[in-house]
Amino acid sequence: MLNKIVLSMASLRLMSGTIEICAALLMLKLNQIDKSLIINSSLAFVGPVVLLATTTIGLVGMADKLSPAKFTWVAIGIICLMVGILKK
């Protein structure tokens, strides 16, 4: 039997991948650079949101196994990732 936390994380990743594939197919169908850039820019929002959601679900699932110190280190790591991804 699959763990509910793992199933939730995997489902979010499958949804994200499906969105990416649909966006690529839409770009091919439209065959216009300007519209493809708009679609691509929209995808820039999806990646970080999925990363945060899957990480949050995973951390909630492990909350009882992590000490406060380890949880703090994980939180710092996530903040560093987000700064690196979102910094202009």
C-alpha atoms as a PDB file:
ATOM      1  CA  MET A   1       0.000   0.000   0.000  1.00  0.00           C
ATOM      2  CA  LEU A   2       1.304   3.445  -0.922  1.00  0.00           C
ATOM      3  CA  ASN A   3       2.010   6.024   1.713  1.00  0.00           C
ATOM      4  CA  LYS A   4      -0.491   8.916   1.433  1.00  0.00           C
ATOM      5  CA  ILE A   5       2.270  11.518   1.733  1.00  0.00           C
ATOM      6  CA  VAL A   6       4.336   9.912  -1.031  1.00  0.00           C
ATOM      7  CA  LEU A   7       1.224   9.548  -3.205  1.00  0.00           C
ATOM      8  CA  SER A   8       0.415  13.247  -2.726  1.00  0.00           C
ATOM      9  CA  MET A   9       3.959  14.316  -3.591  1.00  0.00           C
ATOM     10  CA  ALA A  10       4.063  12.085  -6.675  1.00  0.00           C
ATOM     11  CA  SER A  11       0.634  13.297  -7.800  1.00  0.00           C
ATOM     12  CA  LEU A  12       1.771  16.919  -7.663  1.00  0.00           C
ATOM     13  CA  ARG A  13       4.852  16.058  -9.723  1.00  0.00           C
ATOM     14  CA  LEU A  14       2.737  14.179 -12.288  1.00  0.00           C
ATOM     15  CA  MET A  15       0.390  17.159 -12.507  1.00  0.00           C
ATOM     16  CA  SER A  16       3.338  19.490 -12.991  1.00  0.00           C
ATOM     17  CA  GLY A  17       4.775  17.292 -15.730  1.00  0.00           C
ATOM     18  CA  THR A  18       1.406  17.128 -17.461  1.00  0.00           C
ATOM     19  CA  ILE A  19       1.159  20.920 -17.407  1.00  0.00           C
ATOM     20  CA  GLU A  20       4.644  21.162 -18.933  1.00  0.00           C
ATOM     21  CA  ILE A  21       3.807  18.693 -21.727  1.00  0.00           C
ATOM     22  CA  CYS A  22       0.489  20.430 -22.483  1.00  0.00           C
ATOM     23  CA  ALA A  23       2.281  23.781 -22.624  1.00  0.00           C
ATOM     24  CA  ALA A  24       4.834  22.397 -25.086  1.00  0.00           C
ATOM     25  CA  LEU A  25       2.083  20.980 -27.289  1.00  0.00           C
ATOM     26  CA  LEU A  26       0.234  24.301 -27.164  1.00  0.00           C
ATOM     27  CA  MET A  27       3.408  26.128 -28.213  1.00  0.00           C
ATOM     28  CA  LEU A  28       3.744  23.792 -31.185  1.00  0.00           C
ATOM     29  CA  LYS A  29       0.095  24.226 -32.125  1.00  0.00           C
ATOM     30  CA  LEU A  30       0.184  28.033 -31.930  1.00  0.00           C
ATOM     31  CA  ASN A  31       3.516  28.214 -33.776  1.00  0.00           C
ATOM     32  CA  GLN A  32       4.072  31.858 -32.745  1.00  0.00           C
ATOM     33  CA  ILE A  33       7.106  33.114 -30.863  1.00  0.00           C
ATOM     34  CA  ASP A  34       5.271  35.788 -28.868  1.00  0.00           C
ATOM     35  CA  LYS A  35       2.559  33.414 -27.650  1.00  0.00           C
ATOM     36  CA  SER A  36       5.146  30.729 -26.886  1.00  0.00           C
ATOM     37  CA  LEU A  37       7.053  33.208 -24.728  1.00  0.00           C
ATOM     38  CA  ILE A  38       3.878  33.996 -22.790  1.00  0.00           C
ATOM     39  CA  ILE A  39       3.247  30.282 -22.218  1.00  0.00           C
ATOM     40  CA  ASN A  40       6.863  29.748 -21.177  1.00  0.00           C
ATOM     41  CA  SER A  41       6.725  32.672 -18.761  1.00  0.00           C
ATOM     42  CA  SER A  42       3.597  31.231 -17.177  1.00  0.00           C
ATOM     43  CA  LEU A  43       5.456  27.978 -16.559  1.00  0.00           C
ATOM     44  CA  ALA A  44       8.081  29.866 -14.556  1.00  0.00           C
ATOM     45  CA  PHE A  45       5.444  30.196 -11.843  1.00  0.00           C
ATOM     46  CA  VAL A  46       4.481  26.513 -11.805  1.00  0.00           C
ATOM     47  CA  GLY A  47       7.936  25.105 -10.946  1.00  0.00           C
ATOM     48  CA  PRO A  48       8.547  26.967  -7.668  1.00  0.00           C
ATOM     49  CA  VAL A  49       4.952  26.439  -6.525  1.00  0.00           C
ATOM     50  CA  VAL A  50       5.208  22.681  -7.071  1.00  0.00           C
ATOM     51  CA  LEU A  51       8.613  22.624  -5.354  1.00  0.00           C
ATOM     52  CA  LEU A  52       7.213  24.390  -2.293  1.00  0.00           C
ATOM     53  CA  ALA A  53       4.072  22.259  -2.197  1.00  0.00           C
ATOM     54  CA  THR A  54       5.860  18.911  -2.467  1.00  0.00           C
ATOM     55  CA  THR A  55       8.499  19.957   0.054  1.00  0.00           C
ATOM     56  CA  THR A  56       5.830  21.153   2.481  1.00  0.00           C
ATOM     57  CA  ILE A  57       3.900  17.894   2.173  1.00  0.00           C
ATOM     58  CA  GLY A  58       7.103  15.922   2.738  1.00  0.00           C
ATOM     59  CA  LEU A  59       8.072  17.977   5.763  1.00  0.00           C
ATOM     60  CA  VAL A  60       4.620  17.625   7.293  1.00  0.00           C
ATOM     61  CA  GLY A  61       4.949  13.874   6.844  1.00  0.00           C
ATOM     62  CA  MET A  62       8.346  13.873   8.558  1.00  0.00           C
ATOM     63  CA  ALA A  63       7.574  16.459  11.236  1.00  0.00           C
ATOM     64  CA  ASP A  64       7.439  13.878  14.010  1.00  0.00           C
ATOM     65  CA  LYS A  65      10.827  12.431  12.957  1.00  0.00           C
ATOM     66  CA  LEU A  66      12.787  15.695  12.712  1.00  0.00           C
ATOM     67  CA  SER A  67      14.318  17.450  15.659  1.00  0.00           C
ATOM     68  CA  PRO A  68      13.761  21.225  15.841  1.00  0.00           C
ATOM     69  CA  ALA A  69      17.406  21.805  14.863  1.00  0.00           C
ATOM     70  CA  LYS A  70      17.141  19.615  11.752  1.00  0.00           C
ATOM     71  CA  PHE A  71      13.818  21.190  10.844  1.00  0.00           C
ATOM     72  CA  THR A  72      15.478  24.622  11.052  1.00  0.00           C
ATOM     73  CA  TRP A  73      18.279  23.495   8.714  1.00  0.00           C
ATOM     74  CA  VAL A  74      15.746  22.167   6.216  1.00  0.00           C
ATOM     75  CA  ALA A  75      13.815  25.460   6.377  1.00  0.00           C
ATOM     76  CA  ILE A  76      17.032  27.429   5.780  1.00  0.00           C
ATOM     77  CA  GLY A  77      17.801  25.209   2.780  1.00  0.00           C
ATOM     78  CA  ILE A  78      14.351  25.818   1.301  1.00  0.00           C
ATOM     79  CA  ILE A  79      14.724  29.573   1.800  1.00  0.00           C
ATOM     80  CA  CYS A  80      18.104  29.464   0.021  1.00  0.00           C
ATOM     81  CA  LEU A  81      16.542  27.533  -2.886  1.00  0.00           C
ATOM     82  CA  MET A  82      13.711  30.031  -3.213  1.00  0.00           C
ATOM     83  CA  VAL A  83      16.085  33.013  -3.125  1.00  0.00           C
ATOM     84  CA  GLY A  84      18.192  31.363  -5.829  1.00  0.00           C
ATOM     85  CA  ILE A  85      15.179  30.573  -7.990  1.00  0.00           C
ATOM     86  CA  LEU A  86      13.287  33.835  -7.613  1.00  0.00           C
ATOM     87  CA  LYS A  87      16.152  36.336  -7.420  1.00  0.00           C
ATOM     88  CA  LYS A  88      16.281  38.560 -10.484  1.00  0.00           C
END
